[in-house]
Protein backbone atom coordinates (compact mmCIF):
# COMPACT_ATOMS: atom_id res chain seq x y z
CA MET A 1 13.74 -19.40 55.19
CA ASP A 2 16.28 -16.60 55.35
CA TYR A 3 16.70 -14.32 52.33
CA LYS A 4 19.14 -11.54 51.57
CA ILE A 5 17.39 -9.02 49.33
CA ALA A 6 18.74 -5.92 47.58
CA LEU A 7 16.51 -3.06 46.46
CA CYS A 8 18.03 -0.69 43.91
CA ASP A 9 16.04 2.41 42.90
CA ASP A 10 16.99 6.08 42.67
CA GLN A 11 13.60 7.20 44.05
CA GLU A 12 13.61 7.17 47.85
CA THR A 13 9.82 6.98 48.16
CA ASP A 14 9.67 3.98 45.83
CA ARG A 15 12.41 2.22 47.78
CA ALA A 16 10.54 2.79 51.03
CA TYR A 17 7.27 1.47 49.56
CA ILE A 18 8.83 -1.68 48.09
CA ALA A 19 10.81 -2.29 51.29
CA ALA A 20 7.63 -2.09 53.36
CA LEU A 21 5.85 -4.56 51.06
CA THR A 22 8.81 -6.93 51.19
CA ARG A 23 8.85 -6.94 54.99
CA GLU A 24 5.07 -7.48 55.06
CA TRP A 25 5.39 -10.47 52.71
CA ALA A 26 8.20 -11.96 54.81
CA SER A 27 6.15 -11.61 57.98
CA MET A 28 3.10 -13.23 56.40
CA GLU A 29 5.08 -16.17 54.97
CA GLY A 30 7.26 -16.74 58.03
CA HIS A 31 10.51 -15.79 56.30
CA THR A 32 13.41 -13.77 57.66
CA VAL A 33 14.72 -11.10 55.29
CA GLU A 34 17.87 -9.05 55.41
CA LEU A 35 17.02 -6.04 53.25
CA PHE A 36 19.52 -3.58 51.76
CA ASP A 37 18.54 -0.56 49.69
CA PHE A 38 20.70 1.26 47.17
CA PRO A 39 20.05 4.60 45.41
CA SER A 40 22.04 3.70 42.28
CA ALA A 41 23.46 0.83 40.27
CA GLU A 42 26.96 1.97 41.12
CA SER A 43 26.32 1.84 44.87
CA PHE A 44 24.95 -1.70 44.58
CA LEU A 45 27.89 -2.91 42.50
CA PHE A 46 30.33 -1.43 45.01
CA ARG A 47 28.69 -3.49 47.77
CA TYR A 48 28.36 -6.55 45.52
CA GLU A 49 32.11 -6.63 44.91
CA GLU A 50 32.56 -7.07 48.66
CA ASP A 51 29.65 -9.43 49.27
CA LYS A 52 27.96 -11.43 46.51
CA ARG A 53 25.65 -13.38 48.79
CA PHE A 54 22.35 -11.85 47.65
CA ASP A 55 19.35 -14.02 46.84
CA LEU A 56 17.05 -11.48 45.19
CA LEU A 57 17.51 -8.11 43.49
CA LEU A 58 14.53 -5.74 43.09
CA LEU A 59 15.81 -3.43 40.40
CA ASP A 60 14.64 -0.19 38.79
CA ILE A 61 15.68 0.42 35.17
CA GLU A 62 15.74 4.17 34.55
CA MET A 63 18.23 5.60 37.06
CA GLY A 64 20.80 8.36 36.97
CA GLY A 65 24.14 6.96 35.84
CA MET A 66 24.12 3.25 34.97
CA ASP A 67 20.67 1.88 34.10
CA GLY A 68 19.26 -1.32 35.56
CA VAL A 69 19.48 -3.43 32.40
CA THR A 70 23.17 -2.63 31.95
CA MET A 71 23.82 -3.53 35.57
CA ALA A 72 21.86 -6.79 35.26
CA LYS A 73 23.91 -7.79 32.21
CA ALA A 74 27.12 -7.14 34.14
CA LEU A 75 25.87 -9.29 37.03
CA ARG A 76 24.86 -12.14 34.73
CA ARG A 77 28.39 -12.47 33.40
CA GLU A 78 29.38 -14.02 36.71
CA ASP A 79 26.14 -14.89 38.52
CA ASP A 80 23.20 -16.72 36.97
CA THR A 81 21.52 -17.75 40.23
CA LEU A 82 20.64 -14.30 41.60
CA GLN A 83 16.90 -13.75 41.14
CA ILE A 84 16.27 -10.40 39.41
CA VAL A 85 12.91 -8.63 39.40
CA PHE A 86 12.61 -5.38 37.47
CA VAL A 87 10.38 -2.83 39.21
CA THR A 88 9.98 0.14 36.91
CA GLY A 89 7.68 2.71 35.41
CA TYR A 90 8.66 1.77 31.84
CA SER A 91 7.53 -1.20 29.74
CA ASP A 92 10.01 -0.72 26.88
CA TYR A 93 12.60 -3.14 28.25
CA ILE A 94 10.63 -6.38 28.61
CA SER A 95 12.57 -8.19 25.88
CA GLU A 96 15.84 -7.25 27.55
CA GLY A 97 14.48 -8.71 30.76
CA TYR A 98 14.50 -12.10 29.05
CA ASP A 99 18.12 -11.57 27.98
CA VAL A 100 19.25 -11.34 31.61
CA GLY A 101 16.97 -14.10 32.86
CA ALA A 102 14.77 -11.77 34.88
CA LEU A 103 12.17 -13.53 36.99
CA HIS A 104 9.53 -10.87 36.36
CA PHE A 105 8.87 -7.33 35.19
CA LEU A 106 6.66 -5.26 37.51
CA LEU A 107 5.28 -1.90 36.45
CA LYS A 108 4.90 0.95 38.93
CA PRO A 109 2.75 1.59 40.81
CA VAL A 110 3.30 -1.93 42.11
CA LYS A 111 0.20 -3.79 43.28
CA ARG A 112 0.54 -5.55 46.61
CA GLU A 113 -1.02 -8.87 45.54
CA LYS A 114 1.05 -9.13 42.37
CA PHE A 115 4.24 -8.23 44.23
CA PHE A 116 3.60 -10.95 46.81
CA GLU A 117 2.98 -13.45 44.01
CA VAL A 118 6.32 -12.61 42.42
CA LEU A 119 8.14 -12.92 45.75
CA ASP A 120 6.52 -16.35 46.21
CA ARG A 121 7.90 -17.37 42.81
CA ALA A 122 11.35 -16.07 43.72
CA ALA A 123 11.29 -18.09 46.94
CA ASP A 124 10.22 -21.17 44.98
CA ARG A 125 13.10 -20.76 42.52
CA LEU A 126 15.59 -20.25 45.33
CA ARG A 127 14.42 -23.47 46.97
CA LYS A 128 14.83 -25.33 43.67
CA ALA A 129 18.27 -23.83 43.16
CA GLU A 130 19.37 -25.80 46.21
CA ARG A 131 18.60 -29.12 44.47
CA VAL A 132 21.64 -31.03 43.27
CA LEU A 133 22.44 -33.79 40.79
CA THR A 134 24.73 -36.48 42.20
CA LEU A 135 27.02 -38.16 39.66
CA GLU A 136 29.63 -40.90 39.90
CA CYS A 137 32.42 -39.54 37.73
CA ALA A 138 36.00 -40.83 37.34
CA GLY A 139 35.90 -42.72 40.61
CA GLU A 140 34.48 -39.89 42.69
CA THR A 141 31.08 -38.52 43.64
CA VAL A 142 30.27 -35.11 42.16
CA ARG A 143 27.35 -32.93 43.27
CA VAL A 144 26.13 -30.46 40.63
CA PRO A 145 23.50 -27.83 41.59
CA LEU A 146 20.66 -28.11 39.09
CA SER A 147 20.62 -24.32 38.70
CA ARG A 148 24.20 -24.53 37.35
CA LEU A 149 23.45 -27.31 34.84
CA ARG A 150 23.26 -25.55 31.46
CA TYR A 151 22.76 -28.52 29.17
CA ALA A 152 23.75 -32.14 28.67
CA ASP A 153 24.51 -34.07 25.50
CA VAL A 154 25.06 -37.71 24.67
CA ARG A 155 27.65 -39.62 22.66
CA LEU A 156 27.40 -43.37 22.39
CA ASN A 157 26.74 -44.63 25.95
CA TYR A 158 28.07 -41.54 27.71
CA VAL A 159 26.39 -38.31 28.76
CA THR A 160 28.36 -35.10 29.31
CA VAL A 161 26.82 -32.69 31.82
CA HIS A 162 27.84 -29.09 31.16
CA ALA A 163 27.81 -26.94 34.32
CA ASP A 164 30.64 -24.86 35.80
CA GLU A 165 32.74 -27.84 34.69
CA ASP A 166 32.03 -30.68 32.28
CA PHE A 167 31.37 -34.13 33.72
CA THR A 168 31.10 -37.25 31.53
CA VAL A 169 29.30 -40.26 32.97
CA LYS A 170 28.16 -43.62 31.63
CA MET A 171 24.38 -43.36 31.50
CA THR A 172 21.60 -42.76 29.02
CA LEU A 173 19.87 -39.46 28.41
CA SER A 174 16.61 -41.05 29.59
CA GLU A 175 18.23 -41.97 32.90
CA LEU A 176 19.48 -38.41 33.34
CA THR A 177 16.08 -36.95 32.48
CA LYS A 178 14.50 -38.84 35.41
CA LEU A 179 16.91 -37.08 37.80
CA LEU A 180 15.95 -33.57 36.64
CA ASP A 181 12.87 -31.38 37.05
CA GLU A 182 10.53 -29.28 34.90
CA ARG A 183 13.26 -26.73 34.18
CA PHE A 184 14.84 -29.18 31.75
CA PHE A 185 13.71 -30.08 28.24
CA ARG A 186 14.90 -32.98 26.12
CA VAL A 187 15.96 -31.90 22.64
CA GLY A 188 15.38 -34.93 20.45
CA ARG A 189 17.67 -37.86 21.12
CA SER A 190 20.87 -35.95 21.67
CA ALA A 191 20.56 -33.26 24.38
CA ILE A 192 18.78 -31.79 27.39
CA VAL A 193 18.70 -28.01 27.99
CA ASN A 194 17.92 -25.85 30.99
CA LEU A 195 14.88 -23.81 29.88
CA THR A 196 15.62 -21.05 32.39
CA LEU A 197 18.99 -20.34 30.73
CA ILE A 198 17.71 -19.96 27.15
CA SER A 199 18.15 -16.53 25.60
CA ARG A 200 16.80 -17.26 22.11
CA VAL A 201 15.46 -20.06 19.95
CA THR A 202 15.97 -20.19 16.19
CA LYS A 203 14.85 -22.80 13.67
CA THR A 204 18.23 -24.52 13.95
CA ASP A 205 19.61 -23.80 17.44
CA ILE A 206 18.79 -23.14 21.07
CA LEU A 207 21.00 -20.28 22.23
CA LEU A 208 21.90 -20.18 25.92
CA ARG A 209 22.80 -17.03 27.83
CA ASP A 210 26.49 -17.96 27.92
CA GLY A 211 26.58 -18.09 24.11
CA THR A 212 26.35 -21.88 23.73
CA ALA A 213 24.36 -23.05 20.71
CA VAL A 214 22.62 -26.40 21.14
CA PRO A 215 21.55 -27.83 17.74
CA LEU A 216 17.79 -28.12 17.36
CA PRO A 217 16.56 -31.10 15.32
CA ARG A 218 14.15 -30.56 12.47
CA GLY A 219 10.65 -29.98 13.79
CA GLY A 220 11.88 -29.13 17.28
CA TYR A 221 11.29 -25.37 17.15
CA GLU A 222 7.62 -25.49 18.17
CA ALA A 223 8.23 -28.08 20.87
CA VAL A 224 10.90 -26.12 22.72
CA ASN A 225 8.90 -22.90 22.52
CA ARG A 226 5.87 -24.72 23.90
CA ALA A 227 7.99 -26.08 26.75
CA ILE A 228 9.13 -22.54 27.62
CA ILE A 229 5.53 -21.26 27.53
CA ASP A 230 4.31 -24.17 29.65
CA MET A 231 7.02 -23.59 32.26
CA GLU A 232 6.26 -19.87 32.40
CA GLY A 233 2.57 -20.63 32.60
CA THR A 234 3.24 -22.72 35.69
CA HIS A 235 5.49 -20.17 37.38
CA GLY A 236 4.27 -16.91 35.83
CA THR A 237 5.77 -14.75 33.09
CA ILE A 238 7.64 -11.51 32.78
């Protein structure tokens, strides 16, 4: 497959090293990569305003000017499909990596085998992001990318799918569940949530990155946390 990858790090030697590893991985796996490197968050954002078609961002955190976490939060306000991997010498920001839906958190010096494993996971997620849910809604066929489906809830015999828009269709939650993949978790009898878009889980709610609170039924706290752990165990963790 073809991938457009951005590397943002204020250390030239680190950029060169990561770029070389990325090209080696692409050659080994039979991928074509278009690689762009940026010495600062500001320089990346300037380019991003002109061209948002990046698949993966390899991002340092501690940089002169804007730091990587701040930049990632700005990106997430309009793009939740870009795969972000933090590559940094600091481990203090792991929790914030979850807040921006980072795929992984790599500590410098980066080990070749681990880096290749993370790139494999990124490629896997990008392939899955291409999957779509086809719905018959109000007399027309609607195709919703699964990566954009935040959650779905049910009322009587109708399910509302919440993505970039809301689509209400006559079906059961069980029927919808069969059309989804392991990224999605059924919350009791009333809802399904996209595990990859969860920012926090409390005893009463599942909080998504866009601020949506999905009510969590009594006794559901452990189940949803286990689902998150199981998914991360399958695909790796930050």
